[in-house]
Structures are given as C-alpha cells and as structure tokens.
C-alpha cells in the first residue's frame, strides 16, 4: 500500500512540473471567477448551484476517465491492474473536482438573485 501512495505522490509532482502553465492558468481563472463572485455581492454558497456543479462534475468524471489514458500516450486497453484503475479513478475525480471549482461560481452568478 505504501508503494502505491509513494507512486501517487511522485506522479502528482511529475504532472505538476510537466504542466505548470496549465496549472497557473487554472489558478488565475479560479481567482478571477471567485473574485467576480465576491464582487457580484451574491453569497458564496448557493444550494442549487452546488447541486448543479456536482452534476457537472459527475458527468466530467467518466469523461476524464476515458480520455486521461490517451493524454499520457497510453490507452484504456493498457489499464489492467487494480492499481491502474484506482489511480485512473482518483486522477479523474481530481480533474472533475477542478471542473466543479471552475463551474460553481459561474452557476451562482447565473442564478437569479433573490
């Protein structure tokens, strides 16, 4: 089990180093979107937007699970061990979480104030 955690950590560090530009762009987008949400004087929490955001993330999760292997130069056919499936599921969930963080402030701002 420890080897899997160690592998996960170093894969995360390697991905971060290889994709630093994308990470910075996402961070800038997050700051801009949440800044716009705060400036709009709407509450930071909205139940309907939260549920819709979770729905968008739930749809994004299997989409990312299907495309992530090809982004690494691999394919789903090469995902064969349980560790591979766990890693793919967790990485896809992480990307779906980022989608949720990006979509949520937009959903809050799109809903009628009231």
PDB file of N, CA and C in Angstrom:
ATOM      1  N   UNK A   1       0.823  -1.195   0.000  1.00  0.00           N
ATOM      2  CA  UNK A   1       0.000   0.000   0.000  1.00  0.00           C
ATOM      3  C   UNK A   1       0.867   1.259   0.000  1.00  0.00           C
ATOM      4  N   UNK A   2       1.954   1.250   0.772  1.00  0.00           N
ATOM      5  CA  UNK A   2       2.822   2.425   0.837  1.00  0.00           C
ATOM      6  C   UNK A   2       3.443   2.727  -0.516  1.00  0.00           C
ATOM      7  N   UNK A   3       3.771   1.681  -1.278  1.00  0.00           N
ATOM      8  CA  UNK A   3       4.352   1.912  -2.598  1.00  0.00           C
ATOM      9  C   UNK A   3       3.367   2.626  -3.515  1.00  0.00           C
ATOM     10  N   UNK A   4       2.084   2.286  -3.397  1.00  0.00           N
ATOM     11  CA  UNK A   4       1.073   2.948  -4.222  1.00  0.00           C
ATOM     12  C   UNK A   4       0.938   4.421  -3.859  1.00  0.00           C
ATOM     13  N   UNK A   5       0.996   4.727  -2.558  1.00  0.00           N
ATOM     14  CA  UNK A   5       0.910   6.125  -2.126  1.00  0.00           C
ATOM     15  C   UNK A   5       2.137   6.887  -2.602  1.00  0.00           C
ATOM     16  N   UNK A   6       3.300   6.275  -2.489  1.00  0.00           N
ATOM     17  CA  UNK A   6       4.535   6.906  -2.953  1.00  0.00           C
ATOM     18  C   UNK A   6       4.473   7.144  -4.464  1.00  0.00           C
ATOM     19  N   UNK A   7       3.995   6.162  -5.201  1.00  0.00           N
ATOM     20  CA  UNK A   7       3.845   6.303  -6.650  1.00  0.00           C
ATOM     21  C   UNK A   7       2.878   7.435  -6.985  1.00  0.00           C
ATOM     22  N   UNK A   8       1.774   7.504  -6.253  1.00  0.00           N
ATOM     23  CA  UNK A   8       0.791   8.568  -6.490  1.00  0.00           C
ATOM     24  C   UNK A   8       1.403   9.941  -6.263  1.00  0.00           C
ATOM     25  N   UNK A   9       2.172  10.078  -5.195  1.00  0.00           N
ATOM     26  CA  UNK A   9       2.793  11.363  -4.879  1.00  0.00           C
ATOM     27  C   UNK A   9       3.747  11.794  -5.983  1.00  0.00           C
ATOM     28  N   UNK A  10       4.617  10.895  -6.416  1.00  0.00           N
ATOM     29  CA  UNK A  10       5.604  11.277  -7.431  1.00  0.00           C
ATOM     30  C   UNK A  10       4.968  11.487  -8.801  1.00  0.00           C
ATOM     31  N   UNK A  11       3.868  10.776  -9.086  1.00  0.00           N
ATOM     32  CA  UNK A  11       3.142  11.043 -10.333  1.00  0.00           C
ATOM     33  C   UNK A  11       2.527  12.438 -10.299  1.00  0.00           C
ATOM     34  N   UNK A  12       2.003  12.818  -9.123  1.00  0.00           N
ATOM     35  CA  UNK A  12       1.411  14.145  -8.986  1.00  0.00           C
ATOM     36  C   UNK A  12       2.477  15.228  -9.162  1.00  0.00           C
ATOM     37  N   UNK A  13       3.635  15.050  -8.547  1.00  0.00           N
ATOM     38  CA  UNK A  13       4.719  16.030  -8.671  1.00  0.00           C
ATOM     39  C   UNK A  13       5.192  16.110 -10.123  1.00  0.00           C
ATOM     40  N   UNK A  14       5.344  14.978 -10.775  1.00  0.00           N
ATOM     41  CA  UNK A  14       5.773  14.968 -12.176  1.00  0.00           C
ATOM     42  C   UNK A  14       4.765  15.643 -13.081  1.00  0.00           C
ATOM     43  N   UNK A  15       3.467  15.385 -12.845  1.00  0.00           N
ATOM     44  CA  UNK A  15       2.439  16.021 -13.661  1.00  0.00           C
ATOM     45  C   UNK A  15       2.450  17.526 -13.442  1.00  0.00           C
ATOM     46  N   UNK A  16       2.617  17.940 -12.191  1.00  0.00           N
ATOM     47  CA  UNK A  16       2.644  19.369 -11.879  1.00  0.00           C
ATOM     48  C   UNK A  16       3.802  20.062 -12.584  1.00  0.00           C
ATOM     49  N   UNK A  17       4.969  19.442 -12.577  1.00  0.00           N
ATOM     50  CA  UNK A  17       6.134  20.030 -13.242  1.00  0.00           C
ATOM     51  C   UNK A  17       5.944  20.075 -14.755  1.00  0.00           C
ATOM     52  N   UNK A  18       5.348  19.045 -15.306  1.00  0.00           N
ATOM     53  CA  UNK A  18       5.184  18.980 -16.760  1.00  0.00           C
ATOM     54  C   UNK A  18       4.098  19.923 -17.269  1.00  0.00           C
ATOM     55  N   UNK A  19       3.160  20.284 -16.411  1.00  0.00           N
ATOM     56  CA  UNK A  19       2.008  21.084 -16.841  1.00  0.00           C
ATOM     57  C   UNK A  19       1.853  22.360 -16.030  1.00  0.00           C
ATOM     58  N   UNK A  20       2.961  22.974 -15.676  1.00  0.00           N
ATOM     59  CA  UNK A  20       2.927  24.162 -14.826  1.00  0.00           C
ATOM     60  C   UNK A  20       2.115  25.296 -15.460  1.00  0.00           C
ATOM     61  N   UNK A  21       2.202  25.464 -16.762  1.00  0.00           N
ATOM     62  CA  UNK A  21       1.453  26.532 -17.429  1.00  0.00           C
ATOM     63  C   UNK A  21      -0.053  26.330 -17.262  1.00  0.00           C
ATOM     64  N   UNK A  22      -0.517  25.115 -17.466  1.00  0.00           N
ATOM     65  CA  UNK A  22      -1.949  24.835 -17.309  1.00  0.00           C
ATOM     66  C   UNK A  22      -2.392  25.051 -15.866  1.00  0.00           C
ATOM     67  N   UNK A  23      -1.560  24.671 -14.919  1.00  0.00           N
ATOM     68  CA  UNK A  23      -1.893  24.855 -13.504  1.00  0.00           C
ATOM     69  C   UNK A  23      -2.009  26.340 -13.174  1.00  0.00           C
ATOM     70  N   UNK A  24      -1.079  27.140 -13.662  1.00  0.00           N
ATOM     71  CA  UNK A  24      -1.121  28.586 -13.407  1.00  0.00           C
ATOM     72  C   UNK A  24      -2.362  29.207 -14.054  1.00  0.00           C
ATOM     73  N   UNK A  25      -2.702  28.783 -15.264  1.00  0.00           N
ATOM     74  CA  UNK A  25      -3.897  29.307 -15.938  1.00  0.00           C
ATOM     75  C   UNK A  25      -5.157  28.974 -15.140  1.00  0.00           C
ATOM     76  N   UNK A  26      -5.255  27.741 -14.647  1.00  0.00           N
ATOM     77  CA  UNK A  26      -6.425  27.350 -13.856  1.00  0.00           C
ATOM     78  C   UNK A  26      -6.482  28.160 -12.561  1.00  0.00           C
ATOM     79  N   UNK A  27      -5.342  28.365 -11.915  1.00  0.00           N
ATOM     80  CA  UNK A  27      -5.329  29.163 -10.685  1.00  0.00           C
ATOM     81  C   UNK A  27      -5.756  30.605 -10.947  1.00  0.00           C
ATOM     82  N   UNK A  28      -5.292  31.186 -12.039  1.00  0.00           N
ATOM     83  CA  UNK A  28      -5.695  32.553 -12.395  1.00  0.00           C
ATOM     84  C   UNK A  28      -7.200  32.598 -12.678  1.00  0.00           C
ATOM     85  N   UNK A  29      -7.712  31.600 -13.389  1.00  0.00           N
ATOM     86  CA  UNK A  29      -9.156  31.535 -13.649  1.00  0.00           C
ATOM     87  C   UNK A  29      -9.955  31.423 -12.350  1.00  0.00           C
ATOM     88  N   UNK A  30      -9.470  30.590 -11.426  1.00  0.00           N
ATOM     89  CA  UNK A  30     -10.167  30.443 -10.151  1.00  0.00           C
ATOM     90  C   UNK A  30     -10.210  31.757  -9.387  1.00  0.00           C
ATOM     91  N   UNK A  31      -9.081  32.453  -9.325  1.00  0.00           N
ATOM     92  CA  UNK A  31      -9.039  33.742  -8.625  1.00  0.00           C
ATOM     93  C   UNK A  31      -9.979  34.738  -9.300  1.00  0.00           C
ATOM     94  N   UNK A  32      -9.977  34.774 -10.628  1.00  0.00           N
ATOM     95  CA  UNK A  32     -10.844  35.711 -11.356  1.00  0.00           C
ATOM     96  C   UNK A  32     -12.321  35.376 -11.148  1.00  0.00           C
ATOM     97  N   UNK A  33     -12.676  34.098 -11.232  1.00  0.00           N
ATOM     98  CA  UNK A  33     -14.081  33.709 -11.091  1.00  0.00           C
ATOM     99  C   UNK A  33     -14.604  33.953  -9.680  1.00  0.00           C
ATOM    100  N   UNK A  34     -13.833  33.558  -8.678  1.00  0.00           N
ATOM    101  CA  UNK A  34     -14.291  33.778  -7.311  1.00  0.00           C
ATOM    102  C   UNK A  34     -14.229  35.255  -6.940  1.00  0.00           C
ATOM    103  N   UNK A  35     -13.297  36.003  -7.517  1.00  0.00           N
ATOM    104  CA  UNK A  35     -13.279  37.456  -7.331  1.00  0.00           C
ATOM    105  C   UNK A  35     -14.523  38.096  -7.917  1.00  0.00           C
ATOM    106  N   UNK A  36     -14.919  37.646  -9.109  1.00  0.00           N
ATOM    107  CA  UNK A  36     -16.146  38.160  -9.729  1.00  0.00           C
ATOM    108  C   UNK A  36     -17.370  37.776  -8.907  1.00  0.00           C
ATOM    109  N   UNK A  37     -17.357  36.584  -8.328  1.00  0.00           N
ATOM    110  CA  UNK A  37     -18.478  36.149  -7.490  1.00  0.00           C
ATOM    111  C   UNK A  37     -18.587  37.024  -6.243  1.00  0.00           C
ATOM    112  N   UNK A  38     -17.471  37.308  -5.614  1.00  0.00           N
ATOM    113  CA  UNK A  38     -17.482  38.168  -4.427  1.00  0.00           C
ATOM    114  C   UNK A  38     -17.901  39.587  -4.811  1.00  0.00           C
ATOM    115  N   UNK A  39     -17.415  40.070  -5.945  1.00  0.00           N
ATOM    116  CA  UNK A  39     -17.766  41.423  -6.398  1.00  0.00           C
ATOM    117  C   UNK A  39     -19.241  41.534  -6.773  1.00  0.00           C
ATOM    118  N   UNK A  40     -19.865  40.430  -7.147  1.00  0.00           N
ATOM    119  CA  UNK A  40     -21.282  40.473  -7.521  1.00  0.00           C
ATOM    120  C   UNK A  40     -22.197  40.568  -6.310  1.00  0.00           C
ATOM    121  N   UNK A  41     -21.624  40.494  -5.130  1.00  0.00           N
ATOM    122  CA  UNK A  41     -22.361  40.601  -3.863  1.00  0.00           C
ATOM    123  C   UNK A  41     -23.412  39.509  -3.696  1.00  0.00           C
ATOM    124  N   UNK A  42     -23.162  38.385  -4.291  1.00  0.00           N
ATOM    125  CA  UNK A  42     -24.017  37.225  -4.056  1.00  0.00           C
ATOM    126  C   UNK A  42     -23.332  36.380  -2.991  1.00  0.00           C
ATOM    127  N   UNK A  43     -24.081  35.549  -2.345  1.00  0.00           N
ATOM    128  CA  UNK A  43     -23.496  34.673  -1.342  1.00  0.00           C
ATOM    129  C   UNK A  43     -22.538  33.677  -1.979  1.00  0.00           C
ATOM    130  N   UNK A  44     -21.549  33.250  -1.209  1.00  0.00           N
ATOM    131  CA  UNK A  44     -20.599  32.271  -1.738  1.00  0.00           C
ATOM    132  C   UNK A  44     -21.209  30.878  -1.826  1.00  0.00           C
ATOM    133  N   UNK A  45     -22.252  30.611  -1.048  1.00  0.00           N
ATOM    134  CA  UNK A  45     -22.880  29.297  -1.106  1.00  0.00           C
ATOM    135  C   UNK A  45     -24.297  29.427  -1.636  1.00  0.00           C
ATOM    136  N   UNK A  46     -24.603  28.584  -2.601  1.00  0.00           N
ATOM    137  CA  UNK A  46     -25.938  28.515  -3.180  1.00  0.00           C
ATOM    138  C   UNK A  46     -26.242  27.041  -3.406  1.00  0.00           C
ATOM    139  N   UNK A  47     -27.297  26.560  -2.769  1.00  0.00           N
ATOM    140  CA  UNK A  47     -27.621  25.139  -2.831  1.00  0.00           C
ATOM    141  C   UNK A  47     -27.887  24.625  -4.235  1.00  0.00           C
ATOM    142  N   UNK A  48     -28.651  25.379  -5.028  1.00  0.00           N
ATOM    143  CA  UNK A  48     -28.962  24.942  -6.392  1.00  0.00           C
ATOM    144  C   UNK A  48     -27.700  24.896  -7.249  1.00  0.00           C
ATOM    145  N   UNK A  49     -26.857  25.909  -7.113  1.00  0.00           N
ATOM    146  CA  UNK A  49     -25.611  25.931  -7.885  1.00  0.00           C
ATOM    147  C   UNK A  49     -24.694  24.793  -7.451  1.00  0.00           C
ATOM    148  N   UNK A  50     -24.701  24.479  -6.152  1.00  0.00           N
ATOM    149  CA  UNK A  50     -23.871  23.388  -5.649  1.00  0.00           C
ATOM    150  C   UNK A  50     -24.304  22.058  -6.250  1.00  0.00           C
ATOM    151  N   UNK A  51     -25.602  21.812  -6.246  1.00  0.00           N
ATOM    152  CA  UNK A  51     -26.123  20.553  -6.799  1.00  0.00           C
ATOM    153  C   UNK A  51     -25.845  20.470  -8.298  1.00  0.00           C
ATOM    154  N   UNK A  52     -26.062  21.562  -9.018  1.00  0.00           N
ATOM    155  CA  UNK A  52     -25.772  21.575 -10.459  1.00  0.00           C
ATOM    156  C   UNK A  52     -24.285  21.373 -10.718  1.00  0.00           C
ATOM    157  N   UNK A  53     -23.444  21.995  -9.901  1.00  0.00           N
ATOM    158  CA  UNK A  53     -21.997  21.832 -10.048  1.00  0.00           C
ATOM    159  C   UNK A  53     -21.559  20.399  -9.805  1.00  0.00           C
ATOM    160  N   UNK A  54     -22.157  19.756  -8.803  1.00  0.00           N
ATOM    161  CA  UNK A  54     -21.860  18.342  -8.544  1.00  0.00           C
ATOM    162  C   UNK A  54     -22.302  17.500  -9.735  1.00  0.00           C
ATOM    163  N   UNK A  55     -23.436  17.839 -10.330  1.00  0.00           N
ATOM    164  CA  UNK A  55     -23.901  17.120 -11.522  1.00  0.00           C
ATOM    165  C   UNK A  55     -22.941  17.260 -12.689  1.00  0.00           C
ATOM    166  N   UNK A  56     -22.440  18.471 -12.899  1.00  0.00           N
ATOM    167  CA  UNK A  56     -21.464  18.691 -13.977  1.00  0.00           C
ATOM    168  C   UNK A  56     -20.194  17.891 -13.703  1.00  0.00           C
ATOM    169  N   UNK A  57     -19.741  17.894 -12.452  1.00  0.00           N
ATOM    170  CA  UNK A  57     -18.536  17.139 -12.096  1.00  0.00           C
ATOM    171  C   UNK A  57     -18.762  15.633 -12.250  1.00  0.00           C
ATOM    172  N   UNK A  58     -19.968  15.170 -11.913  1.00  0.00           N
ATOM    173  CA  UNK A  58     -20.278  13.742 -12.061  1.00  0.00           C
ATOM    174  C   UNK A  58     -20.268  13.316 -13.523  1.00  0.00           C
ATOM    175  N   UNK A  59     -20.664  14.207 -14.409  1.00  0.00           N
ATOM    176  CA  UNK A  59     -20.601  13.909 -15.844  1.00  0.00           C
ATOM    177  C   UNK A  59     -19.155  13.976 -16.333  1.00  0.00           C
ATOM    178  N   UNK A  60     -18.387  14.911 -15.790  1.00  0.00           N
ATOM    179  CA  UNK A  60     -16.994  15.078 -16.221  1.00  0.00           C
ATOM    180  C   UNK A  60     -16.110  13.922 -15.767  1.00  0.00           C
ATOM    181  N   UNK A  61     -16.448  13.282 -14.641  1.00  0.00           N
ATOM    182  CA  UNK A  61     -15.596  12.232 -14.091  1.00  0.00           C
ATOM    183  C   UNK A  61     -15.391  11.076 -15.071  1.00  0.00           C
ATOM    184  N   UNK A  62     -16.437  10.440 -15.598  1.00  0.00           N
ATOM    185  CA  UNK A  62     -16.187   9.349 -16.554  1.00  0.00           C
ATOM    186  C   UNK A  62     -15.585   9.829 -17.872  1.00  0.00           C
ATOM    187  N   UNK A  63     -15.883  11.072 -18.247  1.00  0.00           N
ATOM    188  CA  UNK A  63     -15.270  11.613 -19.466  1.00  0.00           C
ATOM    189  C   UNK A  63     -13.759  11.684 -19.284  1.00  0.00           C
ATOM    190  N   UNK A  64     -13.320  12.205 -18.139  1.00  0.00           N
ATOM    191  CA  UNK A  64     -11.883  12.259 -17.872  1.00  0.00           C
ATOM    192  C   UNK A  64     -11.289  10.856 -17.744  1.00  0.00           C
ATOM    193  N   UNK A  65     -12.044   9.917 -17.168  1.00  0.00           N
ATOM    194  CA  UNK A  65     -11.544   8.546 -17.057  1.00  0.00           C
ATOM    195  C   UNK A  65     -11.317   7.938 -18.435  1.00  0.00           C
ATOM    196  N   UNK A  66     -12.129   8.332 -19.399  1.00  0.00           N
ATOM    197  CA  UNK A  66     -11.976   7.796 -20.753  1.00  0.00           C
ATOM    198  C   UNK A  66     -10.836   8.455 -21.516  1.00  0.00           C
ATOM    199  N   UNK A  67     -10.587   9.754 -21.274  1.00  0.00           N
ATOM    200  CA  UNK A  67      -9.576  10.446 -22.082  1.00  0.00           C
ATOM    201  C   UNK A  67      -8.203  10.541 -21.426  1.00  0.00           C
ATOM    202  N   UNK A  68      -8.116  10.367 -20.101  1.00  0.00           N
ATOM    203  CA  UNK A  68      -6.809  10.513 -19.448  1.00  0.00           C
ATOM    204  C   UNK A  68      -5.744   9.540 -19.962  1.00  0.00           C
ATOM    205  N   UNK A  69      -6.062   8.266 -20.176  1.00  0.00           N
ATOM    206  CA  UNK A  69      -5.000   7.389 -20.688  1.00  0.00           C
ATOM    207  C   UNK A  69      -4.437   7.842 -22.029  1.00  0.00           C
ATOM    208  N   UNK A  70      -5.286   8.345 -22.914  1.00  0.00           N
ATOM    209  CA  UNK A  70      -4.784   8.790 -24.215  1.00  0.00           C
ATOM    210  C   UNK A  70      -3.946  10.055 -24.085  1.00  0.00           C
ATOM    211  N   UNK A  71      -4.204  10.875 -23.081  1.00  0.00           N
ATOM    212  CA  UNK A  71      -3.406  12.079 -22.868  1.00  0.00           C
ATOM    213  C   UNK A  71      -1.988  11.747 -22.407  1.00  0.00           C
ATOM    214  N   UNK A  72      -1.815  10.557 -21.851  1.00  0.00           N
ATOM    215  CA  UNK A  72      -0.482  10.138 -21.409  1.00  0.00           C
ATOM    216  C   UNK A  72       0.209   9.260 -22.449  1.00  0.00           C
ATOM    217  N   UNK A  73      -0.372   9.147 -23.632  1.00  0.00           N
ATOM    218  CA  UNK A  73       0.231   8.319 -24.675  1.00  0.00           C
ATOM    219  C   UNK A  73      -0.076   6.847 -24.490  1.00  0.00           C
ATOM    220  N   UNK A  74      -1.061   6.536 -23.686  1.00  0.00           N
ATOM    221  CA  UNK A  74      -1.447   5.168 -23.402  1.00  0.00           C
ATOM    222  C   UNK A  74      -2.847   4.940 -23.981  1.00  0.00           C
ATOM    223  N   UNK A  75      -3.510   3.915 -23.527  1.00  0.00           N
ATOM    224  CA  UNK A  75      -4.899   3.684 -23.919  1.00  0.00           C
ATOM    225  C   UNK A  75      -5.596   2.931 -22.796  1.00  0.00           C
ATOM    226  N   UNK A  76      -6.921   2.876 -22.857  1.00  0.00           N
ATOM    227  CA  UNK A  76      -7.659   2.134 -21.832  1.00  0.00           C
ATOM    228  C   UNK A  76      -7.336   0.642 -21.873  1.00  0.00           C
ATOM    229  N   UNK A  77      -6.901   0.148 -23.011  1.00  0.00           N
ATOM    230  CA  UNK A  77      -6.547  -1.267 -23.120  1.00  0.00           C
ATOM    231  C   UNK A  77      -5.335  -1.612 -22.257  1.00  0.00           C
ATOM    232  N   UNK A  78      -4.497  -0.632 -21.975  1.00  0.00           N
ATOM    233  CA  UNK A  78      -3.303  -0.877 -21.166  1.00  0.00           C
ATOM    234  C   UNK A  78      -3.559  -0.712 -19.672  1.00  0.00           C
ATOM    235  N   UNK A  79      -4.757  -0.305 -19.297  1.00  0.00           N
ATOM    236  CA  UNK A  79      -5.124  -0.205 -17.886  1.00  0.00           C
ATOM    237  C   UNK A  79      -5.598  -1.586 -17.464  1.00  0.00           C
ATOM    238  N   UNK A  80      -4.746  -2.321 -16.745  1.00  0.00           N
ATOM    239  CA  UNK A  80      -5.079  -3.715 -16.486  1.00  0.00           C
ATOM    240  C   UNK A  80      -5.050  -4.097 -15.010  1.00  0.00           C
ATOM    241  N   UNK A  81      -4.250  -3.444 -14.201  1.00  0.00           N
ATOM    242  CA  UNK A  81      -4.133  -3.825 -12.794  1.00  0.00           C
ATOM    243  C   UNK A  81      -5.065  -2.980 -11.939  1.00  0.00           C
ATOM    244  N   UNK A  82      -5.387  -3.491 -10.761  1.00  0.00           N
ATOM    245  CA  UNK A  82      -6.285  -2.746  -9.872  1.00  0.00           C
ATOM    246  C   UNK A  82      -5.695  -1.392  -9.499  1.00  0.00           C
ATOM    247  N   UNK A  83      -4.382  -1.337  -9.337  1.00  0.00           N
ATOM    248  CA  UNK A  83      -3.735  -0.056  -9.033  1.00  0.00           C
ATOM    249  C   UNK A  83      -3.956   0.939 -10.164  1.00  0.00           C
ATOM    250  N   UNK A  84      -3.905   0.460 -11.402  1.00  0.00           N
ATOM    251  CA  UNK A  84      -4.144   1.340 -12.554  1.00  0.00           C
ATOM    252  C   UNK A  84      -5.554   1.921 -12.517  1.00  0.00           C
ATOM    253  N   UNK A  85      -6.535   1.065 -12.209  1.00  0.00           N
ATOM    254  CA  UNK A  85      -7.917   1.537 -12.159  1.00  0.00           C
ATOM    255  C   UNK A  85      -8.135   2.523 -11.014  1.00  0.00           C
ATOM    256  N   UNK A  86      -7.527   2.238  -9.864  1.00  0.00           N
ATOM    257  CA  UNK A  86      -7.655   3.155  -8.726  1.00  0.00           C
ATOM    258  C   UNK A  86      -7.026   4.499  -9.063  1.00  0.00           C
ATOM    259  N   UNK A  87      -5.823   4.471  -9.628  1.00  0.00           N
ATOM    260  CA  UNK A  87      -5.146   5.718  -9.994  1.00  0.00           C
ATOM    261  C   UNK A  87      -5.959   6.489 -11.035  1.00  0.00           C
ATOM    262  N   UNK A  88      -6.484   5.796 -12.024  1.00  0.00           N
ATOM    263  CA  UNK A  88      -7.284   6.451 -13.060  1.00  0.00           C
ATOM    264  C   UNK A  88      -8.540   7.070 -12.460  1.00  0.00           C
ATOM    265  N   UNK A  89      -9.198   6.338 -11.583  1.00  0.00           N
ATOM    266  CA  UNK A  89     -10.398   6.867 -10.937  1.00  0.00           C
ATOM    267  C   UNK A  89     -10.112   8.080 -10.074  1.00  0.00           C
ATOM    268  N   UNK A  90      -9.023   8.027  -9.317  1.00  0.00           N
ATOM    269  CA  UNK A  90      -8.686   9.155  -8.450  1.00  0.00           C
ATOM    270  C   UNK A  90      -8.219  10.370  -9.245  1.00  0.00           C
ATOM    271  N   UNK A  91      -7.432  10.142 -10.279  1.00  0.00           N
ATOM    272  CA  UNK A  91      -6.998  11.271 -11.111  1.00  0.00           C
ATOM    273  C   UNK A  91      -8.200  11.897 -11.815  1.00  0.00           C
ATOM    274  N   UNK A  92      -9.108  11.076 -12.294  1.00  0.00           N
ATOM    275  CA  UNK A  92     -10.318  11.594 -12.945  1.00  0.00           C
ATOM    276  C   UNK A  92     -11.172  12.373 -11.955  1.00  0.00           C
ATOM    277  N   UNK A  93     -11.264  11.873 -10.728  1.00  0.00           N
ATOM    278  CA  UNK A  93     -12.025  12.584  -9.697  1.00  0.00           C
ATOM    279  C   UNK A  93     -11.383  13.931  -9.387  1.00  0.00           C
ATOM    280  N   UNK A  94     -10.063  13.978  -9.381  1.00  0.00           N
ATOM    281  CA  UNK A  94      -9.373  15.248  -9.152  1.00  0.00           C
ATOM    282  C   UNK A  94      -9.664  16.258 -10.239  1.00  0.00           C
ATOM    283  N   UNK A  95      -9.623  15.825 -11.476  1.00  0.00           N
ATOM    284  CA  UNK A  95      -9.944  16.726 -12.588  1.00  0.00           C
ATOM    285  C   UNK A  95     -11.416  17.146 -12.547  1.00  0.00           C
ATOM    286  N   UNK A  96     -12.300  16.221 -12.164  1.00  0.00           N
ATOM    287  CA  UNK A  96     -13.715  16.575 -12.028  1.00  0.00           C
ATOM    288  C   UNK A  96     -13.902  17.593 -10.904  1.00  0.00           C
ATOM    289  N   UNK A  97     -13.111  17.480  -9.847  1.00  0.00           N
ATOM    290  CA  UNK A  97     -13.151  18.468  -8.770  1.00  0.00           C
ATOM    291  C   UNK A  97     -12.737  19.846  -9.250  1.00  0.00           C
ATOM    292  N   UNK A  98     -11.737  19.895 -10.106  1.00  0.00           N
ATOM    293  CA  UNK A  98     -11.316  21.177 -10.685  1.00  0.00           C
ATOM    294  C   UNK A  98     -12.430  21.747 -11.559  1.00  0.00           C
ATOM    295  N   UNK A  99     -13.104  20.886 -12.308  1.00  0.00           N
ATOM    296  CA  UNK A  99     -14.241  21.339 -13.122  1.00  0.00           C
ATOM    297  C   UNK A  99     -15.319  21.933 -12.216  1.00  0.00           C
ATOM    298  N   UNK A 100     -15.596  21.267 -11.093  1.00  0.00           N
ATOM    299  CA  UNK A 100     -16.584  21.795 -10.152  1.00  0.00           C
ATOM    300  C   UNK A 100     -16.175  23.175  -9.647  1.00  0.00           C
ATOM    301  N   UNK A 101     -14.908  23.320  -9.260  1.00  0.00           N
ATOM    302  CA  UNK A 101     -14.435  24.611  -8.750  1.00  0.00           C
ATOM    303  C   UNK A 101     -14.537  25.712  -9.797  1.00  0.00           C
ATOM    304  N   UNK A 102     -14.357  25.369 -11.059  1.00  0.00           N
ATOM    305  CA  UNK A 102     -14.455  26.364 -12.126  1.00  0.00           C
ATOM    306  C   UNK A 102     -15.905  26.694 -12.488  1.00  0.00           C
ATOM    307  N   UNK A 103     -16.787  25.719 -12.408  1.00  0.00           N
ATOM    308  CA  UNK A 103     -18.173  25.905 -12.842  1.00  0.00           C
ATOM    309  C   UNK A 103     -19.040  26.525 -11.740  1.00  0.00           C
ATOM    310  N   UNK A 104     -18.742  26.227 -10.491  1.00  0.00           N
ATOM    311  CA  UNK A 104     -19.593  26.672  -9.387  1.00  0.00           C
ATOM    312  C   UNK A 104     -19.809  28.187  -9.348  1.00  0.00           C
ATOM    313  N   UNK A 105     -18.761  29.021  -9.398  1.00  0.00           N
ATOM    314  CA  UNK A 105     -19.039  30.467  -9.342  1.00  0.00           C
ATOM    315  C   UNK A 105     -19.856  30.958 -10.540  1.00  0.00           C
ATOM    316  N   UNK A 106     -19.662  30.342 -11.691  1.00  0.00           N
ATOM    317  CA  UNK A 106     -20.471  30.717 -12.857  1.00  0.00           C
ATOM    318  C   UNK A 106     -21.939  30.389 -12.626  1.00  0.00           C
ATOM    319  N   UNK A 107     -22.201  29.232 -12.042  1.00  0.00           N
ATOM    320  CA  UNK A 107     -23.586  28.842 -11.765  1.00  0.00           C
ATOM    321  C   UNK A 107     -24.223  29.773 -10.742  1.00  0.00           C
ATOM    322  N   UNK A 108     -23.480  30.149  -9.712  1.00  0.00           N
ATOM    323  CA  UNK A 108     -24.027  31.069  -8.706  1.00  0.00           C
ATOM    324  C   UNK A 108     -24.372  32.403  -9.351  1.00  0.00           C
ATOM    325  N   UNK A 109     -23.496  32.903 -10.211  1.00  0.00           N
ATOM    326  CA  UNK A 109     -23.743  34.204 -10.843  1.00  0.00           C
ATOM    327  C   UNK A 109     -24.862  34.144 -11.884  1.00  0.00           C
ATOM    328  N   UNK A 110     -25.094  32.971 -12.466  1.00  0.00           N
ATOM    329  CA  UNK A 110     -26.149  32.839 -13.475  1.00  0.00           C
ATOM    330  C   UNK A 110     -27.538  32.755 -12.851  1.00  0.00           C
ATOM    331  N   UNK A 111     -27.623  32.276 -11.615  1.00  0.00           N
ATOM    332  CA  UNK A 111     -28.930  32.159 -10.972  1.00  0.00           C
ATOM    333  C   UNK A 111     -29.463  33.539 -10.615  1.00  0.00           C
ATOM    334  N   UNK A 112     -30.777  33.646 -10.585  1.00  0.00           N
ATOM    335  CA  UNK A 112     -31.403  34.925 -10.236  1.00  0.00           C
ATOM    336  C   UNK A 112     -31.089  35.262  -8.785  1.00  0.00           C
ATOM    337  N   UNK A 113     -30.808  36.517  -8.558  1.00  0.00           N
ATOM    338  CA  UNK A 113     -30.535  36.959  -7.196  1.00  0.00           C
ATOM    339  C   UNK A 113     -31.862  37.066  -6.469  1.00  0.00           C
ATOM    340  N   UNK A 114     -31.888  36.467  -5.289  1.00  0.00           N
ATOM    341  CA  UNK A 114     -33.149  36.638  -4.681  1.00  0.00           C
ATOM    342  C   UNK A 114     -33.427  35.874  -3.492  1.00  0.00           C
TER     343      UNK A 114
END
